[in-house]
Amino acid sequence: MGGPLRTFGVGLTLPQLGEHVTREAVRAFCESSEALGFASLWVQEHLFFALEPSAPYAARPGMPVPEAYRTTYAPLELLSMAAAWTEHVALGTGILVGGYHRPVELAQRLATVDRLSNGRVIAGLSVGWSKDEHDQMDVAFTTRGRRMDELVRALQACWGPDPVSFDGEFFQIPPSIISPKPLQQPHPPLLSGMRSPAGLRRTAALFDIWNPASGSVAQLAA
């Protein structure tokens, strides 16, 4: 469905969490990673550290949110810097939370990074686990699955031929020219971070790559 899929080697998560992260550290990490032959660099997305969270970390009951999440650099801004400091590694979002974005805004931002990086973006999305962050974005937590279905289809519309229009339950786009388009055509590879039964059906229908994030080999094979 997406752009040409690369054969990936070992990827690394960019320095993003914690007060120790600096411009100098991120730049050195990017340049060293590419020089050493790593295949990809990845970012994640969280908005803030709730002192009294209303949902368990990563939907795992009893697990506290790691202290490192007290400071989280914004994902696409961080990925843009990685694009500027590298030439060849793939640049992935693993993941962006669908409920924190609207399609026109996200399509523009991802297409911008894709063009400025010469077509290296992998667009990873999932439904997220933090009810507090969804509340902060005025998105009903219980709708995040249906909203994800529509977000992906609307993103694909935004990256398709102009004029673009979309009319859904959550998003409406009037006939418009939406540019820039991503360099990768028809769009950057779409990666799913979902692993629930509904999420797996969504992954099969809408995405190019799957990152299950956890589970044994036997569980993933099944």
N, C-alpha and C. Protein backbone atom coordinates (compact mmCIF):
# COMPACT_ATOMS: atom_id res chain seq x y z
N MET A 1 0.81 -1.21 0.00
CA MET A 1 0.00 0.00 0.00
C MET A 1 0.85 1.26 0.00
N GLY A 2 1.95 1.22 0.73
CA GLY A 2 2.75 2.42 0.86
C GLY A 2 3.85 2.47 -0.17
N GLY A 3 4.89 3.29 0.12
CA GLY A 3 6.02 3.41 -0.77
C GLY A 3 6.86 2.16 -0.76
N PRO A 4 7.98 2.17 -1.50
CA PRO A 4 8.84 0.99 -1.57
C PRO A 4 9.33 0.60 -0.18
N LEU A 5 9.16 -0.68 0.17
CA LEU A 5 9.59 -1.15 1.48
C LEU A 5 11.05 -1.58 1.41
N ARG A 6 11.83 -1.08 2.36
CA ARG A 6 13.24 -1.44 2.41
C ARG A 6 13.39 -2.76 3.19
N THR A 7 14.55 -3.41 2.99
CA THR A 7 14.91 -4.52 3.85
C THR A 7 15.66 -3.95 5.03
N PHE A 8 15.09 -4.06 6.22
CA PHE A 8 15.65 -3.36 7.36
C PHE A 8 16.62 -4.23 8.13
N GLY A 9 17.64 -3.57 8.64
CA GLY A 9 18.55 -4.19 9.58
C GLY A 9 18.16 -3.76 10.98
N VAL A 10 19.15 -3.51 11.80
CA VAL A 10 18.91 -3.12 13.18
C VAL A 10 18.64 -1.62 13.26
N GLY A 11 17.56 -1.27 13.94
CA GLY A 11 17.24 0.13 14.16
C GLY A 11 17.42 0.52 15.61
N LEU A 12 17.50 1.81 15.87
CA LEU A 12 17.73 2.33 17.21
C LEU A 12 16.67 3.38 17.56
N THR A 13 16.33 3.44 18.83
CA THR A 13 15.46 4.50 19.31
C THR A 13 16.31 5.73 19.62
N LEU A 14 15.89 6.87 19.10
CA LEU A 14 16.63 8.10 19.34
C LEU A 14 16.57 8.50 20.82
N PRO A 15 17.61 9.16 21.34
CA PRO A 15 17.50 9.77 22.67
C PRO A 15 16.32 10.74 22.67
N GLN A 16 15.36 10.50 23.54
CA GLN A 16 14.13 11.30 23.54
C GLN A 16 13.55 11.50 24.92
N LEU A 17 13.82 10.56 25.83
CA LEU A 17 13.20 10.59 27.15
C LEU A 17 14.22 10.99 28.21
N GLY A 18 13.83 11.92 29.07
CA GLY A 18 14.67 12.28 30.21
C GLY A 18 15.37 13.61 30.05
N GLU A 19 15.70 14.20 31.17
CA GLU A 19 16.28 15.53 31.16
C GLU A 19 17.72 15.56 30.64
N HIS A 20 18.35 14.41 30.51
CA HIS A 20 19.73 14.36 30.03
C HIS A 20 19.83 14.55 28.52
N VAL A 21 18.71 14.49 27.79
CA VAL A 21 18.74 14.60 26.33
C VAL A 21 19.08 16.04 25.94
N THR A 22 20.10 16.20 25.10
CA THR A 22 20.52 17.51 24.63
C THR A 22 20.68 17.48 23.11
N ARG A 23 20.78 18.66 22.52
CA ARG A 23 21.04 18.77 21.08
C ARG A 23 22.31 18.03 20.72
N GLU A 24 23.36 18.23 21.50
CA GLU A 24 24.65 17.61 21.21
C GLU A 24 24.56 16.09 21.28
N ALA A 25 23.82 15.59 22.27
CA ALA A 25 23.69 14.14 22.41
C ALA A 25 22.93 13.53 21.24
N VAL A 26 21.85 14.20 20.82
CA VAL A 26 21.05 13.68 19.72
C VAL A 26 21.86 13.70 18.43
N ARG A 27 22.57 14.78 18.18
CA ARG A 27 23.36 14.87 16.94
C ARG A 27 24.45 13.80 16.91
N ALA A 28 25.17 13.64 18.00
CA ALA A 28 26.22 12.63 18.05
C ALA A 28 25.64 11.23 17.86
N PHE A 29 24.47 10.97 18.46
CA PHE A 29 23.82 9.68 18.32
C PHE A 29 23.45 9.42 16.86
N CYS A 30 22.86 10.41 16.20
CA CYS A 30 22.47 10.25 14.80
C CYS A 30 23.67 9.99 13.90
N GLU A 31 24.69 10.79 14.05
CA GLU A 31 25.86 10.65 13.19
C GLU A 31 26.59 9.34 13.44
N SER A 32 26.72 8.94 14.70
CA SER A 32 27.40 7.67 15.01
C SER A 32 26.59 6.48 14.52
N SER A 33 25.26 6.55 14.68
CA SER A 33 24.40 5.44 14.25
C SER A 33 24.55 5.18 12.76
N GLU A 34 24.54 6.25 11.99
CA GLU A 34 24.67 6.08 10.53
C GLU A 34 26.07 5.59 10.17
N ALA A 35 27.08 6.14 10.80
CA ALA A 35 28.45 5.73 10.50
C ALA A 35 28.68 4.26 10.83
N LEU A 36 28.01 3.75 11.85
CA LEU A 36 28.17 2.36 12.25
C LEU A 36 27.29 1.39 11.46
N GLY A 37 26.44 1.92 10.58
CA GLY A 37 25.66 1.07 9.70
C GLY A 37 24.29 0.67 10.20
N PHE A 38 23.79 1.31 11.24
CA PHE A 38 22.44 1.01 11.68
C PHE A 38 21.44 1.46 10.60
N ALA A 39 20.31 0.76 10.54
CA ALA A 39 19.40 0.93 9.41
C ALA A 39 18.33 1.99 9.61
N SER A 40 17.96 2.26 10.86
CA SER A 40 16.83 3.16 11.08
C SER A 40 16.92 3.81 12.45
N LEU A 41 16.24 4.96 12.58
CA LEU A 41 16.14 5.69 13.84
C LEU A 41 14.67 5.96 14.12
N TRP A 42 14.28 5.84 15.39
CA TRP A 42 12.86 5.84 15.73
C TRP A 42 12.53 6.79 16.87
N VAL A 43 11.32 7.33 16.81
CA VAL A 43 10.80 8.18 17.87
C VAL A 43 9.44 7.64 18.32
N GLN A 44 9.02 8.06 19.53
CA GLN A 44 7.71 7.70 20.05
C GLN A 44 6.97 8.98 20.44
N GLU A 45 5.75 8.83 20.94
CA GLU A 45 4.96 10.02 21.26
C GLU A 45 4.26 9.89 22.61
N HIS A 46 4.54 10.84 23.49
CA HIS A 46 3.78 11.03 24.73
C HIS A 46 3.73 12.52 25.00
N LEU A 47 2.67 12.97 25.65
CA LEU A 47 2.44 14.40 25.82
C LEU A 47 2.88 14.92 27.18
N PHE A 48 2.59 14.19 28.24
CA PHE A 48 2.93 14.66 29.57
C PHE A 48 2.92 13.48 30.55
N PHE A 49 3.37 13.75 31.76
CA PHE A 49 3.48 12.72 32.79
C PHE A 49 2.40 12.98 33.83
N ALA A 50 1.32 12.21 33.78
CA ALA A 50 0.23 12.38 34.74
C ALA A 50 0.66 11.83 36.10
N LEU A 51 0.53 12.66 37.14
CA LEU A 51 0.94 12.22 38.48
C LEU A 51 -0.02 11.19 39.06
N GLU A 52 -1.27 11.22 38.62
CA GLU A 52 -2.25 10.22 39.05
C GLU A 52 -2.95 9.66 37.80
N PRO A 53 -2.25 8.81 37.05
CA PRO A 53 -2.80 8.32 35.78
C PRO A 53 -4.08 7.52 35.97
N SER A 54 -5.00 7.70 35.03
CA SER A 54 -6.29 7.00 35.11
C SER A 54 -6.27 5.66 34.38
N ALA A 55 -5.18 5.34 33.70
CA ALA A 55 -5.04 4.05 33.01
C ALA A 55 -3.63 3.54 33.22
N PRO A 56 -3.42 2.21 33.29
CA PRO A 56 -2.08 1.67 33.52
C PRO A 56 -1.17 1.88 32.31
N TYR A 57 0.11 1.90 32.57
CA TYR A 57 1.09 2.09 31.51
C TYR A 57 0.99 0.97 30.48
N ALA A 58 0.86 1.38 29.21
CA ALA A 58 0.82 0.42 28.10
C ALA A 58 -0.22 -0.67 28.29
N ALA A 59 -1.34 -0.32 28.95
CA ALA A 59 -2.44 -1.26 29.19
C ALA A 59 -2.01 -2.48 29.98
N ARG A 60 -0.98 -2.34 30.82
CA ARG A 60 -0.51 -3.44 31.66
C ARG A 60 -0.87 -3.13 33.11
N PRO A 61 -1.94 -3.72 33.64
CA PRO A 61 -2.40 -3.41 35.00
C PRO A 61 -1.29 -3.54 36.03
N GLY A 62 -1.20 -2.54 36.90
CA GLY A 62 -0.23 -2.55 37.96
C GLY A 62 1.13 -2.01 37.60
N MET A 63 1.36 -1.74 36.31
CA MET A 63 2.68 -1.24 35.90
C MET A 63 2.68 0.28 35.91
N PRO A 64 3.58 0.90 36.67
CA PRO A 64 3.63 2.37 36.70
C PRO A 64 4.26 2.93 35.43
N VAL A 65 3.94 4.18 35.13
CA VAL A 65 4.57 4.85 34.00
C VAL A 65 6.04 5.09 34.34
N PRO A 66 6.97 4.70 33.48
CA PRO A 66 8.39 4.88 33.78
C PRO A 66 8.74 6.34 34.04
N GLU A 67 9.65 6.55 34.98
CA GLU A 67 10.04 7.90 35.35
C GLU A 67 10.64 8.68 34.18
N ALA A 68 11.24 7.97 33.22
CA ALA A 68 11.85 8.66 32.08
C ALA A 68 10.86 9.51 31.30
N TYR A 69 9.57 9.15 31.38
CA TYR A 69 8.55 9.88 30.62
C TYR A 69 8.21 11.24 31.24
N ARG A 70 8.87 11.60 32.33
CA ARG A 70 8.65 12.95 32.88
C ARG A 70 9.08 14.02 31.88
N THR A 71 10.05 13.69 31.02
CA THR A 71 10.47 14.61 29.96
C THR A 71 10.50 13.84 28.65
N THR A 72 9.70 14.27 27.68
CA THR A 72 9.64 13.59 26.39
C THR A 72 9.74 14.63 25.28
N TYR A 73 10.76 14.54 24.45
CA TYR A 73 10.88 15.45 23.31
C TYR A 73 9.80 15.13 22.28
N ALA A 74 9.30 16.15 21.60
CA ALA A 74 8.25 15.98 20.60
C ALA A 74 8.78 15.15 19.42
N PRO A 75 8.00 14.19 18.92
CA PRO A 75 8.53 13.21 17.97
C PRO A 75 8.92 13.76 16.60
N LEU A 76 8.03 14.52 15.96
CA LEU A 76 8.33 14.93 14.59
C LEU A 76 9.39 16.01 14.53
N GLU A 77 9.45 16.85 15.56
CA GLU A 77 10.53 17.83 15.61
C GLU A 77 11.88 17.12 15.79
N LEU A 78 11.90 16.11 16.66
CA LEU A 78 13.12 15.34 16.86
C LEU A 78 13.51 14.59 15.59
N LEU A 79 12.52 14.02 14.91
CA LEU A 79 12.81 13.28 13.68
C LEU A 79 13.32 14.22 12.58
N SER A 80 12.84 15.46 12.57
CA SER A 80 13.32 16.43 11.59
C SER A 80 14.81 16.72 11.80
N MET A 81 15.22 16.84 13.05
CA MET A 81 16.64 17.05 13.32
C MET A 81 17.46 15.83 12.90
N ALA A 82 16.92 14.64 13.15
CA ALA A 82 17.62 13.44 12.72
C ALA A 82 17.76 13.40 11.20
N ALA A 83 16.74 13.87 10.50
CA ALA A 83 16.81 13.94 9.03
C ALA A 83 17.92 14.87 8.58
N ALA A 84 18.09 15.98 9.29
CA ALA A 84 19.12 16.95 8.91
C ALA A 84 20.52 16.43 9.20
N TRP A 85 20.67 15.57 10.20
CA TRP A 85 21.99 15.10 10.63
C TRP A 85 22.36 13.74 10.05
N THR A 86 21.53 13.20 9.16
CA THR A 86 21.83 11.92 8.52
C THR A 86 21.53 12.01 7.03
N GLU A 87 21.93 10.97 6.30
CA GLU A 87 21.71 10.94 4.85
C GLU A 87 20.99 9.68 4.38
N HIS A 88 21.14 8.58 5.10
CA HIS A 88 20.70 7.30 4.56
C HIS A 88 19.75 6.51 5.46
N VAL A 89 19.83 6.63 6.76
CA VAL A 89 19.01 5.79 7.63
C VAL A 89 17.53 6.11 7.46
N ALA A 90 16.69 5.08 7.60
CA ALA A 90 15.25 5.31 7.61
C ALA A 90 14.87 6.02 8.90
N LEU A 91 13.77 6.77 8.85
CA LEU A 91 13.33 7.59 9.98
C LEU A 91 11.89 7.23 10.30
N GLY A 92 11.68 6.59 11.45
CA GLY A 92 10.35 6.05 11.74
C GLY A 92 9.73 6.61 13.00
N THR A 93 8.40 6.66 12.98
CA THR A 93 7.65 6.98 14.18
C THR A 93 7.11 5.67 14.75
N GLY A 94 7.55 5.36 15.95
CA GLY A 94 7.17 4.07 16.52
C GLY A 94 6.69 4.21 17.97
N ILE A 95 5.55 4.86 18.20
CA ILE A 95 4.57 5.26 17.19
C ILE A 95 4.06 6.68 17.50
N LEU A 96 3.28 7.23 16.53
CA LEU A 96 2.44 8.39 16.81
C LEU A 96 1.07 7.89 17.25
N VAL A 97 0.48 8.57 18.21
CA VAL A 97 -0.84 8.18 18.72
C VAL A 97 -1.91 8.86 17.87
N GLY A 98 -2.75 8.07 17.23
CA GLY A 98 -3.73 8.61 16.29
C GLY A 98 -4.62 9.68 16.90
N GLY A 99 -5.01 9.50 18.16
CA GLY A 99 -5.94 10.42 18.79
C GLY A 99 -5.40 11.81 19.03
N TYR A 100 -4.08 12.01 18.88
CA TYR A 100 -3.49 13.31 19.12
C TYR A 100 -3.36 14.13 17.84
N HIS A 101 -3.90 13.62 16.73
CA HIS A 101 -3.67 14.27 15.44
C HIS A 101 -4.95 14.32 14.61
N ARG A 102 -4.93 15.27 13.66
CA ARG A 102 -5.96 15.37 12.64
C ARG A 102 -5.29 15.14 11.29
N PRO A 103 -6.00 14.63 10.31
CA PRO A 103 -5.34 14.15 9.09
C PRO A 103 -4.61 15.22 8.28
N VAL A 104 -5.20 16.39 8.09
CA VAL A 104 -4.53 17.39 7.26
C VAL A 104 -3.23 17.83 7.91
N GLU A 105 -3.27 18.09 9.20
CA GLU A 105 -2.07 18.49 9.94
C GLU A 105 -0.99 17.42 9.89
N LEU A 106 -1.37 16.17 10.16
CA LEU A 106 -0.39 15.10 10.19
C LEU A 106 0.15 14.78 8.81
N ALA A 107 -0.71 14.81 7.80
CA ALA A 107 -0.26 14.57 6.43
C ALA A 107 0.79 15.59 6.01
N GLN A 108 0.57 16.84 6.33
CA GLN A 108 1.53 17.89 5.98
C GLN A 108 2.86 17.69 6.68
N ARG A 109 2.80 17.40 7.97
CA ARG A 109 4.04 17.27 8.74
C ARG A 109 4.86 16.06 8.30
N LEU A 110 4.20 14.92 8.10
CA LEU A 110 4.93 13.74 7.66
C LEU A 110 5.46 13.90 6.24
N ALA A 111 4.67 14.51 5.36
CA ALA A 111 5.14 14.73 3.99
C ALA A 111 6.33 15.68 3.96
N THR A 112 6.33 16.68 4.84
CA THR A 112 7.45 17.62 4.90
C THR A 112 8.74 16.90 5.29
N VAL A 113 8.67 16.08 6.33
CA VAL A 113 9.86 15.34 6.75
C VAL A 113 10.28 14.35 5.66
N ASP A 114 9.31 13.72 5.00
CA ASP A 114 9.65 12.77 3.95
C ASP A 114 10.38 13.45 2.80
N ARG A 115 9.93 14.61 2.40
CA ARG A 115 10.58 15.31 1.29
C ARG A 115 11.95 15.83 1.70
N LEU A 116 12.05 16.40 2.89
CA LEU A 116 13.33 16.96 3.32
C LEU A 116 14.36 15.88 3.64
N SER A 117 13.91 14.67 3.91
CA SER A 117 14.83 13.55 4.18
C SER A 117 15.10 12.73 2.93
N ASN A 118 14.56 13.15 1.81
CA ASN A 118 14.73 12.43 0.54
C ASN A 118 14.07 11.05 0.58
N GLY A 119 12.85 11.02 1.17
CA GLY A 119 12.03 9.82 1.13
C GLY A 119 12.42 8.74 2.11
N ARG A 120 12.66 9.10 3.37
CA ARG A 120 13.13 8.11 4.35
C ARG A 120 12.14 7.84 5.48
N VAL A 121 10.93 8.40 5.42
CA VAL A 121 10.00 8.31 6.54
C VAL A 121 9.23 6.99 6.53
N ILE A 122 9.05 6.41 7.71
CA ILE A 122 8.11 5.33 7.95
C ILE A 122 7.09 5.87 8.95
N ALA A 123 5.82 5.86 8.57
CA ALA A 123 4.78 6.47 9.39
C ALA A 123 4.13 5.42 10.27
N GLY A 124 4.56 5.35 11.53
CA GLY A 124 4.01 4.40 12.48
C GLY A 124 2.91 5.02 13.32
N LEU A 125 1.79 4.31 13.44
CA LEU A 125 0.63 4.80 14.17
C LEU A 125 0.06 3.70 15.06
N SER A 126 -0.54 4.13 16.17
CA SER A 126 -1.30 3.20 17.00
C SER A 126 -2.35 3.98 17.78
N VAL A 127 -3.16 3.25 18.56
CA VAL A 127 -4.29 3.89 19.24
C VAL A 127 -3.92 4.47 20.60
N GLY A 128 -2.76 4.09 21.17
CA GLY A 128 -2.34 4.64 22.45
C GLY A 128 -3.04 4.01 23.63
N TRP A 129 -2.50 4.29 24.83
CA TRP A 129 -3.02 3.68 26.05
C TRP A 129 -3.43 4.72 27.09
N SER A 130 -3.02 5.98 26.93
CA SER A 130 -3.23 6.98 27.98
C SER A 130 -4.56 7.70 27.81
N LYS A 131 -5.50 7.39 28.69
CA LYS A 131 -6.77 8.12 28.68
C LYS A 131 -6.55 9.59 29.03
N ASP A 132 -5.60 9.86 29.92
CA ASP A 132 -5.34 11.24 30.33
C ASP A 132 -4.89 12.10 29.14
N GLU A 133 -4.04 11.54 28.29
CA GLU A 133 -3.57 12.30 27.14
C GLU A 133 -4.69 12.48 26.11
N HIS A 134 -5.53 11.47 25.93
CA HIS A 134 -6.68 11.64 25.04
C HIS A 134 -7.63 12.71 25.58
N ASP A 135 -7.86 12.70 26.88
CA ASP A 135 -8.71 13.74 27.46
C ASP A 135 -8.12 15.12 27.20
N GLN A 136 -6.82 15.24 27.31
CA GLN A 136 -6.16 16.52 27.07
C GLN A 136 -6.37 17.01 25.64
N MET A 137 -6.51 16.07 24.71
CA MET A 137 -6.71 16.42 23.30
C MET A 137 -8.19 16.44 22.90
N ASP A 138 -9.08 16.35 23.92
CA ASP A 138 -10.53 16.37 23.68
C ASP A 138 -10.98 15.25 22.75
N VAL A 139 -10.37 14.08 22.91
CA VAL A 139 -10.73 12.90 22.11
C VAL A 139 -11.26 11.83 23.06
N ALA A 140 -12.45 11.32 22.79
CA ALA A 140 -13.03 10.28 23.63
C ALA A 140 -12.20 9.00 23.52
N PHE A 141 -11.71 8.51 24.65
CA PHE A 141 -10.83 7.35 24.67
C PHE A 141 -11.48 6.13 24.03
N THR A 142 -12.79 5.99 24.20
CA THR A 142 -13.49 4.81 23.69
C THR A 142 -13.66 4.82 22.18
N THR A 143 -13.39 5.93 21.53
CA THR A 143 -13.54 6.01 20.07
C THR A 143 -12.22 5.84 19.33
N ARG A 144 -11.13 5.60 20.05
CA ARG A 144 -9.82 5.70 19.41
C ARG A 144 -9.60 4.66 18.31
N GLY A 145 -10.25 3.50 18.40
CA GLY A 145 -10.11 2.51 17.34
C GLY A 145 -10.79 2.95 16.06
N ARG A 146 -12.06 3.34 16.15
CA ARG A 146 -12.77 3.82 14.96
C ARG A 146 -12.10 5.06 14.37
N ARG A 147 -11.63 5.90 15.26
CA ARG A 147 -10.96 7.12 14.81
C ARG A 147 -9.68 6.78 14.03
N MET A 148 -8.96 5.75 14.46
CA MET A 148 -7.75 5.34 13.76
C MET A 148 -8.07 4.86 12.35
N ASP A 149 -9.12 4.05 12.21
CA ASP A 149 -9.51 3.60 10.88
C ASP A 149 -9.70 4.78 9.94
N GLU A 150 -10.41 5.78 10.44
CA GLU A 150 -10.72 6.94 9.60
C GLU A 150 -9.49 7.81 9.37
N LEU A 151 -8.65 7.94 10.39
CA LEU A 151 -7.45 8.76 10.25
C LEU A 151 -6.56 8.23 9.14
N VAL A 152 -6.34 6.92 9.09
CA VAL A 152 -5.48 6.36 8.06
C VAL A 152 -6.06 6.60 6.67
N ARG A 153 -7.35 6.37 6.52
CA ARG A 153 -7.96 6.60 5.21
C ARG A 153 -7.91 8.07 4.81
N ALA A 154 -8.07 8.97 5.78
CA ALA A 154 -8.00 10.39 5.48
C ALA A 154 -6.57 10.81 5.14
N LEU A 155 -5.58 10.24 5.83
CA LEU A 155 -4.18 10.51 5.48
C LEU A 155 -3.89 10.10 4.05
N GLN A 156 -4.35 8.90 3.68
CA GLN A 156 -4.13 8.44 2.31
C GLN A 156 -4.79 9.37 1.30
N ALA A 157 -5.97 9.88 1.64
CA ALA A 157 -6.62 10.84 0.76
C ALA A 157 -5.81 12.12 0.63
N CYS A 158 -5.28 12.61 1.76
CA CYS A 158 -4.48 13.84 1.74
C CYS A 158 -3.23 13.67 0.88
N TRP A 159 -2.66 12.49 0.88
CA TRP A 159 -1.44 12.24 0.12
C TRP A 159 -1.73 11.86 -1.33
N GLY A 160 -3.00 11.73 -1.67
CA GLY A 160 -3.39 11.36 -3.03
C GLY A 160 -3.59 12.57 -3.91
N PRO A 161 -4.18 12.36 -5.09
CA PRO A 161 -4.32 13.45 -6.06
C PRO A 161 -5.22 14.57 -5.54
N ASP A 162 -4.90 15.78 -5.92
CA ASP A 162 -5.76 16.94 -5.65
C ASP A 162 -6.83 17.04 -6.74
N PRO A 163 -8.01 17.58 -6.43
CA PRO A 163 -8.40 18.07 -5.12
C PRO A 163 -8.73 16.93 -4.16
N VAL A 164 -8.41 17.15 -2.89
CA VAL A 164 -8.67 16.18 -1.83
C VAL A 164 -9.99 16.55 -1.15
N SER A 165 -10.79 15.55 -0.85
CA SER A 165 -11.97 15.77 -0.01
C SER A 165 -12.21 14.50 0.80
N PHE A 166 -12.84 14.67 1.96
CA PHE A 166 -13.10 13.52 2.83
C PHE A 166 -14.28 13.86 3.71
N ASP A 167 -15.17 12.89 3.89
CA ASP A 167 -16.35 13.11 4.72
C ASP A 167 -16.58 11.87 5.57
N GLY A 168 -16.20 11.96 6.85
CA GLY A 168 -16.32 10.82 7.73
C GLY A 168 -16.99 11.17 9.03
N GLU A 169 -16.99 10.21 9.95
CA GLU A 169 -17.58 10.43 11.26
C GLU A 169 -16.80 11.44 12.08
N PHE A 170 -15.47 11.38 11.99
CA PHE A 170 -14.61 12.22 12.82
C PHE A 170 -13.97 13.37 12.04
N PHE A 171 -13.74 13.18 10.76
CA PHE A 171 -12.99 14.16 9.98
C PHE A 171 -13.74 14.53 8.72
N GLN A 172 -13.74 15.82 8.42
CA GLN A 172 -14.31 16.33 7.18
C GLN A 172 -13.28 17.27 6.54
N ILE A 173 -12.99 17.04 5.28
CA ILE A 173 -12.06 17.88 4.54
C ILE A 173 -12.79 18.39 3.30
N PRO A 174 -13.00 19.70 3.18
CA PRO A 174 -13.66 20.21 1.98
C PRO A 174 -12.73 20.07 0.78
N PRO A 175 -13.25 20.13 -0.43
CA PRO A 175 -12.38 20.03 -1.61
C PRO A 175 -11.22 21.02 -1.51
N SER A 176 -10.00 20.49 -1.53
CA SER A 176 -8.82 21.30 -1.22
C SER A 176 -7.60 20.79 -1.98
N ILE A 177 -6.64 21.67 -2.14
CA ILE A 177 -5.30 21.28 -2.57
C ILE A 177 -4.48 21.11 -1.30
N ILE A 178 -3.92 19.93 -1.09
CA ILE A 178 -3.12 19.63 0.10
C ILE A 178 -1.72 19.26 -0.37
N SER A 179 -0.78 20.11 -0.06
CA SER A 179 0.59 19.96 -0.54
C SER A 179 1.54 20.48 0.54
N PRO A 180 2.74 19.91 0.67
CA PRO A 180 3.38 18.99 -0.26
C PRO A 180 2.87 17.55 -0.12
N LYS A 181 3.01 16.81 -1.19
CA LYS A 181 2.80 15.36 -1.13
C LYS A 181 4.11 14.71 -0.71
N PRO A 182 4.05 13.55 -0.08
CA PRO A 182 5.31 12.87 0.29
C PRO A 182 6.10 12.47 -0.95
N LEU A 183 7.41 12.39 -0.79
CA LEU A 183 8.25 11.96 -1.90
C LEU A 183 7.99 10.49 -2.23
N GLN A 184 7.79 9.67 -1.21
CA GLN A 184 7.46 8.27 -1.43
C GLN A 184 6.02 8.16 -1.90
N GLN A 185 5.82 7.46 -2.98
CA GLN A 185 4.48 7.32 -3.55
C GLN A 185 4.06 5.86 -3.60
N PRO A 186 2.76 5.58 -3.31
CA PRO A 186 1.70 6.57 -3.09
C PRO A 186 1.76 7.27 -1.74
N HIS A 187 2.55 6.73 -0.80
CA HIS A 187 2.73 7.38 0.49
C HIS A 187 3.82 6.63 1.25
N PRO A 188 4.36 7.22 2.32
CA PRO A 188 5.35 6.49 3.12
C PRO A 188 4.76 5.18 3.66
N PRO A 189 5.60 4.18 3.86
CA PRO A 189 5.10 2.94 4.45
C PRO A 189 4.39 3.22 5.77
N LEU A 190 3.25 2.57 5.96
CA LEU A 190 2.46 2.72 7.18
C LEU A 190 2.73 1.54 8.11
N LEU A 191 3.14 1.85 9.33
CA LEU A 191 3.46 0.83 10.31
C LEU A 191 2.42 0.85 11.42
N SER A 192 1.93 -0.31 11.78
CA SER A 192 0.96 -0.44 12.88
C SER A 192 1.65 -0.93 14.14
N GLY A 193 1.32 -0.28 15.27
CA GLY A 193 1.79 -0.74 16.56
C GLY A 193 0.69 -1.41 17.37
N MET A 194 -0.36 -1.89 16.72
CA MET A 194 -1.52 -2.46 17.40
C MET A 194 -1.43 -3.98 17.49
N ARG A 195 -1.93 -4.53 18.60
CA ARG A 195 -1.84 -5.99 18.76
C ARG A 195 -3.09 -6.63 19.35
N SER A 196 -4.14 -5.85 19.62
CA SER A 196 -5.41 -6.43 20.05
C SER A 196 -6.06 -7.13 18.86
N PRO A 197 -7.05 -7.99 19.08
CA PRO A 197 -7.75 -8.60 17.93
C PRO A 197 -8.28 -7.57 16.94
N ALA A 198 -8.91 -6.51 17.45
CA ALA A 198 -9.41 -5.46 16.55
C ALA A 198 -8.25 -4.74 15.88
N GLY A 199 -7.17 -4.52 16.64
CA GLY A 199 -6.01 -3.86 16.08
C GLY A 199 -5.34 -4.67 14.98
N LEU A 200 -5.33 -6.00 15.13
CA LEU A 200 -4.74 -6.85 14.10
C LEU A 200 -5.58 -6.82 12.82
N ARG A 201 -6.91 -6.80 12.97
CA ARG A 201 -7.76 -6.68 11.78
C ARG A 201 -7.50 -5.34 11.09
N ARG A 202 -7.35 -4.30 11.88
CA ARG A 202 -7.07 -2.97 11.34
C ARG A 202 -5.71 -2.95 10.63
N THR A 203 -4.74 -3.62 11.23
CA THR A 203 -3.40 -3.70 10.65
C THR A 203 -3.43 -4.38 9.29
N ALA A 204 -4.13 -5.51 9.22
CA ALA A 204 -4.20 -6.25 7.96
C ALA A 204 -4.89 -5.44 6.86
N ALA A 205 -5.88 -4.65 7.25
CA ALA A 205 -6.66 -3.92 6.26
C ALA A 205 -5.98 -2.65 5.77
N LEU A 206 -5.21 -1.98 6.63
CA LEU A 206 -4.79 -0.61 6.33
C LEU A 206 -3.28 -0.37 6.32
N PHE A 207 -2.49 -1.28 6.86
CA PHE A 207 -1.07 -0.99 7.08
C PHE A 207 -0.16 -1.89 6.25
N ASP A 208 1.11 -1.45 6.14
CA ASP A 208 2.12 -2.17 5.37
C ASP A 208 3.07 -2.99 6.24
N ILE A 209 3.29 -2.55 7.48
CA ILE A 209 4.27 -3.16 8.37
C ILE A 209 3.63 -3.30 9.74
N TRP A 210 4.05 -4.30 10.51
CA TRP A 210 3.53 -4.49 11.86
C TRP A 210 4.68 -4.52 12.85
N ASN A 211 4.57 -3.74 13.90
CA ASN A 211 5.51 -3.78 15.01
C ASN A 211 4.72 -4.15 16.27
N PRO A 212 4.75 -5.41 16.68
CA PRO A 212 3.90 -5.84 17.79
C PRO A 212 4.37 -5.35 19.15
N ALA A 213 5.62 -4.90 19.27
CA ALA A 213 6.18 -4.29 20.48
C ALA A 213 6.46 -5.29 21.61
N SER A 214 5.70 -6.36 21.71
CA SER A 214 5.96 -7.35 22.77
C SER A 214 5.34 -8.69 22.39
N GLY A 215 5.73 -9.72 23.12
CA GLY A 215 5.20 -11.06 22.87
C GLY A 215 6.30 -12.03 22.50
N SER A 216 6.06 -13.31 22.78
CA SER A 216 7.03 -14.35 22.43
C SER A 216 6.95 -14.65 20.93
N VAL A 217 7.95 -15.39 20.43
CA VAL A 217 7.95 -15.76 19.01
C VAL A 217 6.70 -16.58 18.69
N ALA A 218 6.33 -17.50 19.57
CA ALA A 218 5.15 -18.33 19.34
C ALA A 218 3.88 -17.48 19.30
N GLN A 219 3.77 -16.52 20.22
CA GLN A 219 2.59 -15.66 20.24
C GLN A 219 2.51 -14.82 18.96
N LEU A 220 3.65 -14.30 18.52
CA LEU A 220 3.65 -13.46 17.32
C LEU A 220 3.36 -14.29 16.07
N ALA A 221 3.88 -15.50 16.04
CA ALA A 221 3.60 -16.36 14.88
C ALA A 221 2.12 -16.68 14.77
N ALA A 222 1.48 -16.91 15.92
CA ALA A 222 0.05 -17.20 15.91
C ALA A 222 -0.75 -15.99 15.43
